[in-house]
Amino acid sequence: MEDKSTNTKENAIFSKIILEHELGNENFNHLLVVITWGHMRRSILALKTYMPETVSYSICSSYPDIEQLGKKSENWDMTDEFKKE
């Protein structure tokens, strides 16, 4: 688990460094990514940008579906939870 980053880009880069150091460059090909739903799009884009193309992802949100929160899906990016990220 990476704990030094201050933003999404750093998180992806530092996570890659940790994985390469611990497992070797070619020894990881799938990641389980646990993130808040408001941060999901940003995280996926950062991972696609900074991780090797051979790596795939399983994404797990730590918040319930936005419909369960009573928010309209077209306004998800305007919620307080998203703005905190």
Foldseek 3Di string as FASTA:
>chain_A
DDDDDDDLLVVLQVVQVVCCVVQNLPRAAEEEAEEAPLCVVVNVVSNCVRPDPRHYYDYHHPDDDVVVVVDDPVCSCVDPVNVVD
